[in-house]
Amino acid sequence: MGLIIEGGTGNGYSVAVNADNQLQTSAVTVTKEHKVNHADGQAYSICASLTPAEVTGAALGCFMYIKNTSNTDMIISEMMMYAASAETFSVKLGDSGTPIGGTTTTPSNRNAGSGNVATGTFQTGTDITGLSGGATVFGFTKATGSSERVAPSSTFIVPKNKIATVYVGTGNIAIRFGMGISYHKKHR
């Protein structure tokens, strides 16, 4: 006789195995971000609707600046992009310097029952300057018209006191850009 796996609630049920020797289960799967939002109220949206300056030698195309000041890692899990004309978007990690030309914005909590506020410095603007040195970790060319949602499976991780920035490649084009962020610790 083989090993019998029983439920841990004292109901006396044992698990079933099908003809292919596979465990029969019924499970619910949710994303880590959903769990963090529902249980901890630590998921947010940061949005920008603007026309970045034309990208020239002086204007580099930065329209969003995020610095995580939380002791917990910030996770960038998704982005939504719209452009009135074809435009290239890129995300950089590790820029340094002092942002000039941005306006402070407050990310919206994605849990209406949570009073939590995102911890960090968040700015949007048509021409944020004063930054350099980051590495491009994502690039996307958006065609004219419709919105596009992108959710990188690896996500982007921004530890305490690190910076994420978002740039356009052309500028002088009306855009809408949204980013989903959350805060959670490493799990092994």
N, C-alpha and C. Protein backbone atom coordinates (compact mmCIF):
# COMPACT_ATOMS: atom_id res chain seq x y z
N MET A 1 0.84 -1.17 0.00
CA MET A 1 0.00 0.00 0.00
C MET A 1 0.88 1.23 0.00
N GLY A 2 0.48 2.27 -0.77
CA GLY A 2 1.25 3.50 -0.90
C GLY A 2 0.96 4.48 0.22
N LEU A 3 1.63 5.57 0.17
CA LEU A 3 1.47 6.65 1.12
C LEU A 3 0.11 7.31 0.92
N ILE A 4 -0.60 7.60 1.99
CA ILE A 4 -1.90 8.27 1.91
C ILE A 4 -1.72 9.69 2.45
N ILE A 5 -2.12 10.65 1.64
CA ILE A 5 -2.06 12.05 2.05
C ILE A 5 -3.47 12.46 2.47
N GLU A 6 -3.59 12.92 3.71
CA GLU A 6 -4.90 13.32 4.23
C GLU A 6 -4.94 14.82 4.47
N GLY A 7 -6.14 15.36 4.43
CA GLY A 7 -6.34 16.77 4.72
C GLY A 7 -5.94 17.10 6.15
N GLY A 8 -5.45 18.30 6.37
CA GLY A 8 -4.97 18.70 7.67
C GLY A 8 -6.03 19.32 8.55
N THR A 9 -7.30 19.26 8.16
CA THR A 9 -8.37 19.90 8.94
C THR A 9 -9.16 18.90 9.78
N GLY A 10 -8.75 17.64 9.76
CA GLY A 10 -9.43 16.64 10.57
C GLY A 10 -10.71 16.11 9.97
N ASN A 11 -10.94 16.35 8.68
CA ASN A 11 -12.18 15.89 8.05
C ASN A 11 -12.10 14.46 7.53
N GLY A 12 -10.89 13.87 7.53
CA GLY A 12 -10.75 12.48 7.12
C GLY A 12 -10.63 12.27 5.62
N TYR A 13 -10.62 13.32 4.82
CA TYR A 13 -10.50 13.17 3.37
C TYR A 13 -9.05 12.91 2.98
N SER A 14 -8.88 12.03 2.00
CA SER A 14 -7.56 11.83 1.43
C SER A 14 -7.58 12.35 -0.01
N VAL A 15 -6.40 12.62 -0.52
CA VAL A 15 -6.33 13.18 -1.87
C VAL A 15 -6.61 12.10 -2.91
N ALA A 16 -7.07 12.56 -4.08
CA ALA A 16 -7.35 11.64 -5.19
C ALA A 16 -6.23 11.72 -6.22
N VAL A 17 -6.00 10.60 -6.88
CA VAL A 17 -5.00 10.52 -7.94
C VAL A 17 -5.71 9.95 -9.16
N ASN A 18 -5.45 10.55 -10.36
CA ASN A 18 -6.12 10.07 -11.57
C ASN A 18 -5.33 8.92 -12.21
N ALA A 19 -5.80 8.44 -13.37
CA ALA A 19 -5.19 7.29 -14.05
C ALA A 19 -3.78 7.57 -14.53
N ASP A 20 -3.42 8.85 -14.68
CA ASP A 20 -2.06 9.22 -15.10
C ASP A 20 -1.14 9.48 -13.91
N ASN A 21 -1.60 9.08 -12.72
CA ASN A 21 -0.84 9.23 -11.48
C ASN A 21 -0.60 10.70 -11.13
N GLN A 22 -1.58 11.56 -11.44
CA GLN A 22 -1.50 12.98 -11.14
C GLN A 22 -2.45 13.30 -9.99
N LEU A 23 -1.98 14.15 -9.09
CA LEU A 23 -2.79 14.59 -7.97
C LEU A 23 -3.94 15.45 -8.49
N GLN A 24 -5.16 15.17 -8.06
CA GLN A 24 -6.30 15.96 -8.48
C GLN A 24 -6.51 17.10 -7.48
N THR A 25 -6.51 18.32 -8.00
CA THR A 25 -6.66 19.49 -7.13
C THR A 25 -7.61 20.50 -7.75
N SER A 26 -8.07 21.37 -6.91
CA SER A 26 -8.79 22.56 -7.35
C SER A 26 -8.12 23.70 -6.60
N ALA A 27 -7.56 24.66 -7.34
CA ALA A 27 -6.76 25.70 -6.71
C ALA A 27 -7.11 27.08 -7.26
N VAL A 28 -6.83 28.08 -6.49
CA VAL A 28 -6.98 29.47 -6.91
C VAL A 28 -5.59 30.07 -6.96
N THR A 29 -5.25 30.69 -8.08
CA THR A 29 -3.95 31.33 -8.24
C THR A 29 -4.15 32.82 -8.40
N VAL A 30 -3.42 33.60 -7.63
CA VAL A 30 -3.46 35.06 -7.76
C VAL A 30 -2.02 35.56 -7.90
N THR A 31 -1.86 36.71 -8.53
CA THR A 31 -0.53 37.28 -8.66
C THR A 31 -0.04 37.77 -7.31
N LYS A 32 1.25 37.89 -7.19
CA LYS A 32 1.84 38.42 -5.96
C LYS A 32 1.33 39.84 -5.71
N GLU A 33 1.19 40.62 -6.78
CA GLU A 33 0.72 42.00 -6.65
C GLU A 33 -0.71 42.05 -6.11
N HIS A 34 -1.57 41.11 -6.55
CA HIS A 34 -2.94 41.06 -6.04
C HIS A 34 -2.93 40.76 -4.54
N LYS A 35 -2.12 39.79 -4.13
CA LYS A 35 -2.04 39.44 -2.72
C LYS A 35 -1.54 40.63 -1.89
N VAL A 36 -0.50 41.30 -2.38
CA VAL A 36 0.05 42.47 -1.67
C VAL A 36 -1.01 43.57 -1.58
N ASN A 37 -1.77 43.76 -2.65
CA ASN A 37 -2.81 44.79 -2.65
C ASN A 37 -3.93 44.43 -1.68
N HIS A 38 -4.41 43.20 -1.76
CA HIS A 38 -5.55 42.79 -0.94
C HIS A 38 -5.19 42.67 0.53
N ALA A 39 -4.07 42.04 0.83
CA ALA A 39 -3.70 41.79 2.23
C ALA A 39 -3.03 42.98 2.89
N ASP A 40 -2.19 43.71 2.13
CA ASP A 40 -1.37 44.76 2.73
C ASP A 40 -1.75 46.18 2.29
N GLY A 41 -2.53 46.31 1.22
CA GLY A 41 -2.88 47.65 0.72
C GLY A 41 -1.66 48.42 0.24
N GLN A 42 -0.71 47.71 -0.39
CA GLN A 42 0.54 48.34 -0.80
C GLN A 42 0.76 48.28 -2.32
N ALA A 43 -0.31 48.47 -3.10
CA ALA A 43 -0.21 48.54 -4.56
C ALA A 43 -0.75 49.89 -5.01
N TYR A 44 -0.07 50.49 -5.98
CA TYR A 44 -0.37 51.87 -6.37
C TYR A 44 -0.30 52.04 -7.88
N SER A 45 -0.93 53.11 -8.35
CA SER A 45 -0.82 53.54 -9.75
C SER A 45 -0.21 54.93 -9.78
N ILE A 46 0.73 55.13 -10.68
CA ILE A 46 1.28 56.46 -10.94
C ILE A 46 1.05 56.74 -12.42
N CYS A 47 0.47 57.89 -12.72
CA CYS A 47 0.05 58.19 -14.09
C CYS A 47 0.56 59.55 -14.54
N ALA A 48 0.75 59.68 -15.84
CA ALA A 48 1.13 60.95 -16.45
C ALA A 48 0.38 61.10 -17.76
N SER A 49 -0.20 62.27 -17.97
CA SER A 49 -0.84 62.61 -19.24
C SER A 49 -0.27 63.97 -19.64
N LEU A 50 0.63 63.96 -20.62
CA LEU A 50 1.36 65.18 -20.94
C LEU A 50 1.98 65.08 -22.33
N THR A 51 2.65 66.15 -22.75
CA THR A 51 3.39 66.17 -24.01
C THR A 51 4.84 66.49 -23.68
N PRO A 52 5.70 65.47 -23.60
CA PRO A 52 7.11 65.72 -23.29
C PRO A 52 7.76 66.62 -24.34
N ALA A 53 8.77 67.36 -23.90
CA ALA A 53 9.52 68.23 -24.81
C ALA A 53 10.16 67.40 -25.91
N GLU A 54 10.38 68.05 -27.05
CA GLU A 54 11.06 67.37 -28.15
C GLU A 54 12.45 66.96 -27.70
N VAL A 55 12.85 65.74 -28.00
CA VAL A 55 14.15 65.23 -27.58
C VAL A 55 15.22 65.84 -28.50
N THR A 56 16.10 66.62 -27.88
CA THR A 56 17.22 67.26 -28.59
C THR A 56 18.47 67.01 -27.74
N GLY A 57 19.54 67.69 -28.04
CA GLY A 57 20.75 67.56 -27.25
C GLY A 57 20.55 67.94 -25.79
N ALA A 58 19.70 68.97 -25.54
CA ALA A 58 19.49 69.44 -24.16
C ALA A 58 18.35 68.71 -23.48
N ALA A 59 17.29 68.40 -24.20
CA ALA A 59 16.13 67.70 -23.64
C ALA A 59 16.30 66.21 -23.89
N LEU A 60 16.34 65.43 -22.81
CA LEU A 60 16.63 64.00 -22.94
C LEU A 60 15.39 63.12 -23.01
N GLY A 61 14.21 63.70 -22.80
CA GLY A 61 12.98 62.93 -22.92
C GLY A 61 12.47 62.32 -21.64
N CYS A 62 13.07 62.64 -20.47
CA CYS A 62 12.59 62.07 -19.21
C CYS A 62 11.29 62.76 -18.79
N PHE A 63 10.25 61.98 -18.54
CA PHE A 63 8.98 62.55 -18.10
C PHE A 63 8.48 61.96 -16.78
N MET A 64 9.17 60.94 -16.24
CA MET A 64 8.76 60.35 -14.96
C MET A 64 10.00 59.97 -14.16
N TYR A 65 10.01 60.38 -12.89
CA TYR A 65 11.11 60.10 -11.97
C TYR A 65 10.54 59.47 -10.72
N ILE A 66 11.10 58.33 -10.31
CA ILE A 66 10.65 57.62 -9.11
C ILE A 66 11.87 57.22 -8.30
N LYS A 67 11.90 57.65 -7.03
CA LYS A 67 12.94 57.21 -6.11
C LYS A 67 12.26 56.51 -4.95
N ASN A 68 12.64 55.27 -4.70
CA ASN A 68 12.07 54.50 -3.60
C ASN A 68 12.80 54.87 -2.31
N THR A 69 12.07 55.40 -1.31
CA THR A 69 12.68 55.70 -0.01
C THR A 69 12.18 54.74 1.07
N SER A 70 11.42 53.73 0.68
CA SER A 70 10.93 52.73 1.62
C SER A 70 12.03 51.72 1.94
N ASN A 71 11.96 51.12 3.11
CA ASN A 71 12.88 50.03 3.45
C ASN A 71 12.54 48.76 2.68
N THR A 72 11.38 48.73 2.07
CA THR A 72 10.90 47.57 1.32
C THR A 72 11.10 47.81 -0.17
N ASP A 73 11.46 46.77 -0.91
CA ASP A 73 11.64 46.90 -2.36
C ASP A 73 10.36 47.37 -3.03
N MET A 74 10.50 48.26 -4.00
CA MET A 74 9.38 48.68 -4.85
C MET A 74 9.44 47.81 -6.11
N ILE A 75 8.30 47.27 -6.49
CA ILE A 75 8.21 46.41 -7.66
C ILE A 75 7.38 47.13 -8.72
N ILE A 76 7.95 47.28 -9.91
CA ILE A 76 7.20 47.81 -11.06
C ILE A 76 6.71 46.60 -11.83
N SER A 77 5.38 46.42 -11.83
CA SER A 77 4.84 45.18 -12.40
C SER A 77 4.14 45.36 -13.74
N GLU A 78 3.73 46.60 -14.05
CA GLU A 78 3.02 46.80 -15.31
C GLU A 78 3.09 48.25 -15.74
N MET A 79 2.89 48.45 -17.05
CA MET A 79 2.86 49.78 -17.63
C MET A 79 1.78 49.85 -18.69
N MET A 80 1.16 51.00 -18.80
CA MET A 80 0.18 51.26 -19.85
C MET A 80 0.68 52.47 -20.63
N MET A 81 0.69 52.35 -21.96
CA MET A 81 1.20 53.43 -22.79
C MET A 81 0.20 53.79 -23.88
N TYR A 82 0.09 55.09 -24.12
CA TYR A 82 -0.68 55.62 -25.24
C TYR A 82 0.14 56.76 -25.83
N ALA A 83 0.14 56.87 -27.15
CA ALA A 83 0.79 58.00 -27.81
C ALA A 83 -0.07 58.42 -29.00
N ALA A 84 -0.20 59.75 -29.18
CA ALA A 84 -1.00 60.28 -30.29
C ALA A 84 -0.36 59.97 -31.63
N SER A 85 0.96 59.84 -31.66
CA SER A 85 1.73 59.42 -32.85
C SER A 85 2.72 58.36 -32.38
N ALA A 86 3.35 57.69 -33.30
CA ALA A 86 4.33 56.66 -32.92
C ALA A 86 5.38 57.25 -32.00
N GLU A 87 5.66 56.55 -30.91
CA GLU A 87 6.63 57.04 -29.91
C GLU A 87 7.33 55.86 -29.27
N THR A 88 8.58 56.06 -28.88
CA THR A 88 9.36 55.05 -28.19
C THR A 88 9.42 55.39 -26.70
N PHE A 89 9.16 54.40 -25.86
CA PHE A 89 9.25 54.56 -24.41
C PHE A 89 10.40 53.70 -23.91
N SER A 90 11.12 54.17 -22.90
CA SER A 90 12.16 53.35 -22.28
C SER A 90 12.17 53.59 -20.78
N VAL A 91 12.47 52.52 -20.03
CA VAL A 91 12.58 52.57 -18.59
C VAL A 91 14.04 52.36 -18.24
N LYS A 92 14.56 53.22 -17.37
CA LYS A 92 15.94 53.10 -16.91
C LYS A 92 15.96 52.87 -15.40
N LEU A 93 16.90 52.09 -14.95
CA LEU A 93 17.14 51.90 -13.52
C LEU A 93 18.54 52.43 -13.21
N GLY A 94 18.67 53.14 -12.08
CA GLY A 94 19.97 53.56 -11.62
C GLY A 94 20.43 54.93 -12.04
N ASP A 95 19.56 55.76 -12.61
CA ASP A 95 19.96 57.14 -12.88
C ASP A 95 20.42 57.77 -11.57
N SER A 96 21.27 58.77 -11.66
CA SER A 96 21.68 59.53 -10.48
C SER A 96 21.58 61.01 -10.80
N GLY A 97 21.65 61.82 -9.76
CA GLY A 97 21.54 63.26 -9.93
C GLY A 97 20.30 63.78 -9.24
N THR A 98 20.07 65.06 -9.37
CA THR A 98 18.91 65.71 -8.78
C THR A 98 17.94 66.09 -9.89
N PRO A 99 16.71 65.59 -9.84
CA PRO A 99 15.76 65.91 -10.92
C PRO A 99 15.40 67.40 -10.92
N ILE A 100 15.40 67.99 -12.11
CA ILE A 100 15.04 69.39 -12.29
C ILE A 100 13.90 69.44 -13.29
N GLY A 101 12.85 70.19 -12.96
CA GLY A 101 11.76 70.40 -13.90
C GLY A 101 10.56 69.48 -13.72
N GLY A 102 10.58 68.62 -12.72
CA GLY A 102 9.44 67.74 -12.47
C GLY A 102 8.50 68.34 -11.45
N THR A 103 7.28 67.84 -11.43
CA THR A 103 6.27 68.24 -10.45
C THR A 103 5.93 67.02 -9.60
N THR A 104 5.89 67.22 -8.29
CA THR A 104 5.57 66.12 -7.39
C THR A 104 4.17 65.60 -7.66
N THR A 105 4.04 64.28 -7.69
CA THR A 105 2.74 63.63 -7.86
C THR A 105 2.61 62.54 -6.80
N THR A 106 1.40 62.21 -6.44
CA THR A 106 1.15 61.18 -5.44
C THR A 106 0.49 59.98 -6.09
N PRO A 107 1.12 58.81 -6.04
CA PRO A 107 0.49 57.62 -6.59
C PRO A 107 -0.82 57.30 -5.88
N SER A 108 -1.78 56.76 -6.61
CA SER A 108 -3.08 56.38 -6.06
C SER A 108 -3.03 54.95 -5.56
N ASN A 109 -3.54 54.72 -4.34
CA ASN A 109 -3.60 53.37 -3.79
C ASN A 109 -4.66 52.58 -4.55
N ARG A 110 -4.36 51.35 -4.93
CA ARG A 110 -5.28 50.51 -5.69
C ARG A 110 -6.25 49.74 -4.80
N ASN A 111 -6.20 49.99 -3.50
CA ASN A 111 -7.13 49.35 -2.56
C ASN A 111 -7.91 50.46 -1.88
N ALA A 112 -9.19 50.61 -2.22
CA ALA A 112 -10.02 51.70 -1.69
C ALA A 112 -10.17 51.64 -0.18
N GLY A 113 -9.91 50.49 0.42
CA GLY A 113 -10.03 50.35 1.87
C GLY A 113 -8.72 50.59 2.61
N SER A 114 -7.66 50.93 1.89
CA SER A 114 -6.36 51.13 2.52
C SER A 114 -6.06 52.61 2.66
N GLY A 115 -5.47 52.97 3.77
CA GLY A 115 -5.03 54.35 3.98
C GLY A 115 -3.55 54.52 3.74
N ASN A 116 -2.90 53.48 3.20
CA ASN A 116 -1.45 53.56 2.97
C ASN A 116 -1.12 54.54 1.86
N VAL A 117 0.06 55.12 1.97
CA VAL A 117 0.57 56.06 0.97
C VAL A 117 1.92 55.52 0.49
N ALA A 118 2.16 55.61 -0.81
CA ALA A 118 3.42 55.15 -1.39
C ALA A 118 4.58 55.94 -0.79
N THR A 119 5.68 55.24 -0.52
CA THR A 119 6.86 55.86 0.09
C THR A 119 7.92 56.08 -0.97
N GLY A 120 8.20 57.36 -1.26
CA GLY A 120 9.21 57.67 -2.25
C GLY A 120 9.04 59.08 -2.77
N THR A 121 9.86 59.41 -3.75
CA THR A 121 9.77 60.68 -4.45
C THR A 121 9.23 60.36 -5.84
N PHE A 122 8.13 60.99 -6.21
CA PHE A 122 7.47 60.72 -7.48
C PHE A 122 7.27 62.04 -8.21
N GLN A 123 7.81 62.15 -9.42
CA GLN A 123 7.67 63.36 -10.21
C GLN A 123 7.32 63.03 -11.65
N THR A 124 6.52 63.90 -12.25
CA THR A 124 6.27 63.84 -13.69
C THR A 124 6.52 65.24 -14.24
N GLY A 125 6.84 65.32 -15.52
CA GLY A 125 7.09 66.61 -16.14
C GLY A 125 7.39 66.45 -17.62
N THR A 126 7.33 67.55 -18.33
CA THR A 126 7.56 67.50 -19.78
C THR A 126 9.03 67.44 -20.14
N ASP A 127 9.92 67.81 -19.19
CA ASP A 127 11.35 67.81 -19.48
C ASP A 127 12.14 67.76 -18.18
N ILE A 128 12.22 66.57 -17.56
CA ILE A 128 12.97 66.40 -16.32
C ILE A 128 14.44 66.21 -16.68
N THR A 129 15.29 67.07 -16.15
CA THR A 129 16.72 67.01 -16.45
C THR A 129 17.51 66.81 -15.15
N GLY A 130 18.85 66.85 -15.23
CA GLY A 130 19.70 66.71 -14.07
C GLY A 130 20.05 65.27 -13.74
N LEU A 131 19.71 64.33 -14.61
CA LEU A 131 19.91 62.90 -14.34
C LEU A 131 20.84 62.29 -15.38
N SER A 132 21.57 61.26 -14.96
CA SER A 132 22.44 60.55 -15.90
C SER A 132 22.84 59.21 -15.31
N GLY A 133 23.41 58.36 -16.15
CA GLY A 133 24.08 57.16 -15.69
C GLY A 133 23.28 55.89 -15.56
N GLY A 134 21.98 55.92 -15.74
CA GLY A 134 21.19 54.71 -15.57
C GLY A 134 21.34 53.74 -16.72
N ALA A 135 20.81 52.55 -16.53
CA ALA A 135 20.83 51.51 -17.56
C ALA A 135 19.41 51.28 -18.07
N THR A 136 19.24 51.25 -19.37
CA THR A 136 17.93 50.98 -19.96
C THR A 136 17.61 49.50 -19.77
N VAL A 137 16.46 49.22 -19.14
CA VAL A 137 16.05 47.84 -18.90
C VAL A 137 14.81 47.45 -19.69
N PHE A 138 14.22 48.44 -20.37
CA PHE A 138 12.99 48.16 -21.13
C PHE A 138 12.84 49.21 -22.21
N GLY A 139 12.45 48.78 -23.39
CA GLY A 139 12.16 49.70 -24.47
C GLY A 139 10.96 49.19 -25.25
N PHE A 140 10.13 50.13 -25.71
CA PHE A 140 8.90 49.74 -26.40
C PHE A 140 8.50 50.84 -27.36
N THR A 141 8.23 50.49 -28.60
CA THR A 141 7.73 51.47 -29.56
C THR A 141 6.23 51.31 -29.67
N LYS A 142 5.52 52.39 -29.40
CA LYS A 142 4.05 52.39 -29.40
C LYS A 142 3.57 53.04 -30.68
N ALA A 143 2.74 52.32 -31.42
CA ALA A 143 2.15 52.87 -32.63
C ALA A 143 1.06 53.88 -32.27
N THR A 144 0.59 54.58 -33.25
CA THR A 144 -0.40 55.62 -33.06
C THR A 144 -1.73 55.07 -32.56
N GLY A 145 -2.35 55.81 -31.64
CA GLY A 145 -3.75 55.57 -31.32
C GLY A 145 -4.07 54.81 -30.06
N SER A 146 -4.12 53.52 -30.10
CA SER A 146 -4.66 52.74 -28.98
C SER A 146 -3.68 52.62 -27.83
N SER A 147 -4.20 52.21 -26.67
CA SER A 147 -3.37 51.98 -25.50
C SER A 147 -2.78 50.58 -25.54
N GLU A 148 -1.65 50.41 -24.90
CA GLU A 148 -0.98 49.12 -24.84
C GLU A 148 -0.56 48.88 -23.39
N ARG A 149 -0.89 47.69 -22.87
CA ARG A 149 -0.48 47.32 -21.52
C ARG A 149 0.64 46.31 -21.62
N VAL A 150 1.71 46.53 -20.85
CA VAL A 150 2.86 45.64 -20.84
C VAL A 150 3.14 45.26 -19.39
N ALA A 151 3.29 43.96 -19.14
CA ALA A 151 3.56 43.46 -17.80
C ALA A 151 4.76 42.51 -17.88
N PRO A 152 5.98 43.03 -17.74
CA PRO A 152 7.17 42.17 -17.83
C PRO A 152 7.13 41.08 -16.76
N SER A 153 7.35 39.84 -17.15
CA SER A 153 7.23 38.74 -16.19
C SER A 153 8.30 38.80 -15.10
N SER A 154 9.43 39.41 -15.38
CA SER A 154 10.47 39.52 -14.36
C SER A 154 10.25 40.71 -13.43
N THR A 155 9.38 41.62 -13.79
CA THR A 155 9.15 42.90 -13.11
C THR A 155 10.46 43.69 -13.03
N PHE A 156 10.38 44.90 -12.52
CA PHE A 156 11.57 45.72 -12.28
C PHE A 156 11.60 46.00 -10.78
N ILE A 157 12.73 45.77 -10.15
CA ILE A 157 12.86 45.89 -8.70
C ILE A 157 13.69 47.13 -8.39
N VAL A 158 13.12 48.00 -7.53
CA VAL A 158 13.79 49.24 -7.16
C VAL A 158 14.00 49.22 -5.64
N PRO A 159 15.21 48.87 -5.18
CA PRO A 159 15.48 48.84 -3.74
C PRO A 159 15.50 50.26 -3.15
N LYS A 160 15.62 50.33 -1.83
CA LYS A 160 15.65 51.61 -1.12
C LYS A 160 16.73 52.53 -1.69
N ASN A 161 16.34 53.79 -1.89
CA ASN A 161 17.21 54.87 -2.38
C ASN A 161 17.68 54.68 -3.82
N LYS A 162 17.07 53.77 -4.56
CA LYS A 162 17.39 53.60 -5.98
C LYS A 162 16.31 54.29 -6.81
N ILE A 163 16.64 54.52 -8.08
CA ILE A 163 15.80 55.36 -8.94
C ILE A 163 15.38 54.61 -10.20
N ALA A 164 14.11 54.83 -10.59
CA ALA A 164 13.60 54.38 -11.89
C ALA A 164 13.13 55.63 -12.63
N THR A 165 13.42 55.71 -13.92
CA THR A 165 12.99 56.84 -14.74
C THR A 165 12.39 56.32 -16.03
N VAL A 166 11.50 57.13 -16.62
CA VAL A 166 10.86 56.75 -17.88
C VAL A 166 11.09 57.88 -18.88
N TYR A 167 11.47 57.48 -20.09
CA TYR A 167 11.83 58.42 -21.15
C TYR A 167 11.01 58.16 -22.41
N VAL A 168 10.89 59.20 -23.25
CA VAL A 168 10.40 59.04 -24.62
C VAL A 168 11.58 59.25 -25.55
N GLY A 169 11.46 58.74 -26.78
CA GLY A 169 12.55 58.84 -27.74
C GLY A 169 12.45 60.02 -28.68
N THR A 170 11.22 60.53 -28.91
CA THR A 170 11.02 61.61 -29.87
C THR A 170 10.58 62.90 -29.19
N GLY A 171 9.54 62.80 -28.37
CA GLY A 171 9.00 63.98 -27.70
C GLY A 171 8.10 64.79 -28.61
N ASN A 172 7.50 65.83 -28.03
CA ASN A 172 6.55 66.70 -28.74
C ASN A 172 5.35 65.92 -29.26
N ILE A 173 5.02 64.82 -28.56
CA ILE A 173 3.87 63.97 -28.89
C ILE A 173 3.07 63.76 -27.61
N ALA A 174 1.76 63.95 -27.68
CA ALA A 174 0.91 63.75 -26.50
C ALA A 174 0.93 62.27 -26.11
N ILE A 175 1.15 62.02 -24.81
CA ILE A 175 1.19 60.65 -24.31
C ILE A 175 0.36 60.52 -23.04
N ARG A 176 -0.02 59.29 -22.74
CA ARG A 176 -0.54 58.91 -21.42
C ARG A 176 0.26 57.68 -21.01
N PHE A 177 0.72 57.70 -19.77
CA PHE A 177 1.56 56.59 -19.29
C PHE A 177 1.13 56.27 -17.88
N GLY A 178 0.88 55.00 -17.60
CA GLY A 178 0.54 54.56 -16.26
C GLY A 178 1.46 53.43 -15.84
N MET A 179 1.75 53.39 -14.54
CA MET A 179 2.65 52.37 -14.03
C MET A 179 2.05 51.77 -12.77
N GLY A 180 2.07 50.45 -12.66
CA GLY A 180 1.64 49.75 -11.46
C GLY A 180 2.85 49.43 -10.61
N ILE A 181 2.83 49.90 -9.35
CA ILE A 181 3.93 49.62 -8.43
C ILE A 181 3.37 49.01 -7.15
N SER A 182 4.20 48.25 -6.48
CA SER A 182 3.82 47.69 -5.17
C SER A 182 5.08 47.55 -4.34
N TYR A 183 4.88 47.35 -3.06
CA TYR A 183 5.99 47.18 -2.14
C TYR A 183 5.88 45.81 -1.48
N HIS A 184 6.90 45.00 -1.59
CA HIS A 184 6.93 43.75 -0.84
C HIS A 184 8.35 43.22 -0.72
N LYS A 185 8.53 42.40 0.29
CA LYS A 185 9.83 41.84 0.61
C LYS A 185 10.14 40.62 -0.25
N LYS A 186 11.41 40.28 -0.29
CA LYS A 186 11.84 39.08 -1.00
C LYS A 186 11.24 37.84 -0.36
N HIS A 187 10.92 36.87 -1.19
CA HIS A 187 10.46 35.57 -0.68
C HIS A 187 11.37 34.51 -1.27
N ARG A 188 11.78 33.62 -0.45
CA ARG A 188 12.69 32.57 -0.93
C ARG A 188 11.92 31.36 -1.36
